[in-house]
Amino acid sequence: MRDLQPDAMKTGNRFFLHILLPPLLGALLMLAAMGMTGGWTTFKLRDVPMMVGFMIVCAYVVAGIPSFIYAALMEGAYCYGIAPGRRTAGLVSALLGLVIGSIPWIDECLLKDGPLSAEKRAWLLVWASVGLLVGALVESVVGWFERRHTLTRPISGP
């Protein structure tokens, strides 16, 4: 019987998932939050699909570069020995999501003279929370794909 070794998901596929998933999941979380807070009451039912599509497109425009940075940092973490889909990777991903989700408001905190208003603090909390959740969700999805696409192949050698 031949020895088998796992063949993990390719780095390019994992990097692609790390770029594509955060804006999509962030937009879906924000849409869910809008639905729970009654934000959809001003729209007619026929407008909802268009609004969902618009929100997702805007998420990719706004979060494209931060998502690329996140993907590069996560691949760097994997190079340092963190296994994709493990708890440590989930923690690193969630913390990166927290920081990257806060980026739009960090400049406001650093450049503003005096304390932030209550509304801006609330938005900072919302975006940081969305980043934290998205980071954790992305790594769990990537881990699921990693486990699903792990194939076994014969070990080459004598």
Protein backbone atom coordinates (compact mmCIF):
# COMPACT_ATOMS: atom_id res chain seq x y z
CA MET A 1 0.00 0.00 0.00
CA ARG A 2 1.30 3.44 -0.90
CA ASP A 3 1.74 6.23 1.62
CA LEU A 4 -0.54 9.21 1.06
CA GLN A 5 0.01 12.84 1.90
CA PRO A 6 -2.51 15.67 1.85
CA ASP A 7 -2.49 18.06 -1.07
CA ALA A 8 -3.77 21.41 0.21
CA MET A 9 -5.68 24.01 -1.74
CA LYS A 10 -3.50 26.08 -4.04
CA THR A 11 -2.25 29.42 -2.75
CA GLY A 12 -3.76 31.30 -5.70
CA ASN A 13 -7.23 29.91 -5.02
CA ARG A 14 -6.96 30.74 -1.33
CA PHE A 15 -5.70 34.26 -2.13
CA PHE A 16 -8.61 34.72 -4.57
CA LEU A 17 -11.10 33.70 -1.86
CA HIS A 18 -9.48 36.10 0.61
CA ILE A 19 -9.94 38.94 -1.89
CA LEU A 20 -13.49 38.14 -3.00
CA LEU A 21 -15.20 37.09 0.23
CA PRO A 22 -14.68 40.08 2.58
CA PRO A 23 -16.56 42.72 0.51
CA LEU A 24 -19.38 40.28 -0.25
CA LEU A 25 -19.80 39.15 3.36
CA GLY A 26 -19.47 42.73 4.63
CA ALA A 27 -22.19 43.90 2.24
CA LEU A 28 -24.46 41.02 3.25
CA LEU A 29 -23.93 41.79 6.96
CA MET A 30 -24.75 45.46 6.38
CA LEU A 31 -27.85 44.51 4.38
CA ALA A 32 -28.95 42.22 7.22
CA ALA A 33 -28.38 45.03 9.71
CA MET A 34 -30.45 47.36 7.54
CA GLY A 35 -33.23 44.79 7.47
CA MET A 36 -33.19 44.32 11.24
CA THR A 37 -33.23 48.05 11.96
CA GLY A 38 -36.02 48.84 9.53
CA GLY A 39 -33.77 50.45 6.93
CA TRP A 40 -35.72 48.80 4.12
CA THR A 41 -39.03 50.48 4.99
CA THR A 42 -38.29 53.44 2.69
CA PHE A 43 -37.92 51.16 -0.36
CA LYS A 44 -40.59 49.42 -2.36
CA LEU A 45 -40.28 45.65 -2.65
CA ARG A 46 -39.40 45.86 -6.33
CA ASP A 47 -36.41 48.10 -5.49
CA VAL A 48 -34.82 45.67 -3.03
CA PRO A 49 -32.94 43.47 -5.59
CA MET A 50 -31.51 46.57 -7.25
CA MET A 51 -30.46 47.97 -3.87
CA VAL A 52 -28.81 44.67 -2.88
CA GLY A 53 -26.85 44.62 -6.15
CA PHE A 54 -25.87 48.27 -5.73
CA MET A 55 -24.68 47.63 -2.17
CA ILE A 56 -22.56 44.65 -3.24
CA VAL A 57 -20.98 46.61 -6.13
CA CYS A 58 -20.24 49.51 -3.79
CA ALA A 59 -18.69 47.10 -1.29
CA TYR A 60 -16.26 45.82 -3.93
CA VAL A 61 -15.37 49.38 -4.98
CA VAL A 62 -14.82 50.61 -1.42
CA ALA A 63 -13.27 47.47 0.09
CA GLY A 64 -11.27 46.18 -2.86
CA ILE A 65 -7.88 47.54 -1.79
CA PRO A 66 -8.29 46.73 1.93
CA SER A 67 -9.38 43.22 0.91
CA PHE A 68 -6.23 42.81 -1.18
CA ILE A 69 -4.10 43.97 1.77
CA TYR A 70 -5.93 41.52 4.04
CA ALA A 71 -5.34 38.66 1.57
CA ALA A 72 -1.63 39.46 1.32
CA LEU A 73 -1.27 39.62 5.11
CA MET A 74 -3.10 36.31 5.58
CA GLU A 75 -0.90 34.60 2.98
CA GLY A 76 2.10 36.02 4.83
CA ALA A 77 0.75 34.51 8.05
CA TYR A 78 0.41 31.14 6.31
CA CYS A 79 4.05 31.40 5.18
CA TYR A 80 5.03 31.81 8.85
CA GLY A 81 3.40 28.51 9.75
CA ILE A 82 -0.22 29.33 10.60
CA ALA A 83 -2.37 26.57 9.11
CA PRO A 84 -5.40 27.73 7.08
CA GLY A 85 -8.73 26.97 8.72
CA ARG A 86 -7.30 26.53 12.23
CA ARG A 87 -8.24 28.58 15.30
CA THR A 88 -5.04 30.59 15.17
CA ALA A 89 -5.72 31.54 11.55
CA GLY A 90 -9.29 32.48 12.52
CA LEU A 91 -8.00 34.71 15.31
CA VAL A 92 -5.45 36.41 13.05
CA SER A 93 -8.12 36.84 10.37
CA ALA A 94 -10.62 38.32 12.82
CA LEU A 95 -8.03 40.76 14.20
CA LEU A 96 -7.02 41.82 10.70
CA GLY A 97 -10.70 42.28 9.87
CA LEU A 98 -11.12 44.43 12.97
CA VAL A 99 -8.23 46.68 11.99
CA ILE A 100 -9.11 46.86 8.29
CA GLY A 101 -12.79 47.43 9.08
CA SER A 102 -11.76 50.39 11.23
CA ILE A 103 -9.55 52.02 8.58
CA PRO A 104 -12.26 54.36 7.23
CA TRP A 105 -12.68 55.85 10.69
CA ILE A 106 -9.08 55.75 11.92
CA ASP A 107 -8.19 58.78 9.82
CA GLU A 108 -11.18 60.57 11.31
CA CYS A 109 -9.90 59.77 14.82
CA LEU A 110 -6.35 60.89 14.07
CA LEU A 111 -7.12 64.05 12.09
CA LYS A 112 -10.06 65.36 14.09
CA ASP A 113 -9.49 68.12 16.61
CA GLY A 114 -11.09 67.06 19.85
CA PRO A 115 -13.28 64.07 20.67
CA LEU A 116 -15.39 62.23 18.12
CA SER A 117 -19.12 62.73 18.11
CA ALA A 118 -21.34 59.95 19.41
CA GLU A 119 -22.53 59.18 15.88
CA LYS A 120 -18.98 58.76 14.54
CA ARG A 121 -18.04 56.57 17.50
CA ALA A 122 -21.09 54.41 16.76
CA TRP A 123 -20.06 54.06 13.10
CA LEU A 124 -16.52 53.19 14.14
CA LEU A 125 -17.95 50.45 16.37
CA VAL A 126 -20.23 49.19 13.58
CA TRP A 127 -17.47 48.97 10.97
CA ALA A 128 -14.98 47.46 13.41
CA SER A 129 -17.59 44.84 14.37
CA VAL A 130 -18.36 44.09 10.73
CA GLY A 131 -14.63 43.72 10.05
CA LEU A 132 -14.23 41.38 13.01
CA LEU A 133 -17.17 39.21 11.94
CA VAL A 134 -16.12 39.19 8.29
CA GLY A 135 -12.56 38.20 9.22
CA ALA A 136 -13.80 35.29 11.30
CA LEU A 137 -16.33 34.22 8.64
CA VAL A 138 -13.84 34.43 5.78
CA GLU A 139 -11.33 32.23 7.56
CA SER A 140 -14.00 29.68 8.44
CA VAL A 141 -15.13 29.57 4.79
CA VAL A 142 -11.52 29.32 3.56
CA GLY A 143 -10.88 26.58 6.12
CA TRP A 144 -13.95 24.71 4.90
CA PHE A 145 -12.72 24.97 1.30
CA GLU A 146 -9.25 23.94 2.44
CA ARG A 147 -10.62 20.79 4.10
CA ARG A 148 -12.97 20.07 1.21
CA HIS A 149 -10.27 20.42 -1.44
CA THR A 150 -7.58 18.57 0.44
CA LEU A 151 -6.93 15.54 -1.66
CA THR A 152 -4.64 12.68 -0.95
CA ARG A 153 -1.90 11.86 -3.36
CA PRO A 154 0.91 9.33 -3.26
CA ILE A 155 4.16 10.48 -1.70
CA SER A 156 6.81 10.47 -4.38
CA GLY A 157 10.08 8.86 -3.56
CA PRO A 158 11.78 5.48 -3.39
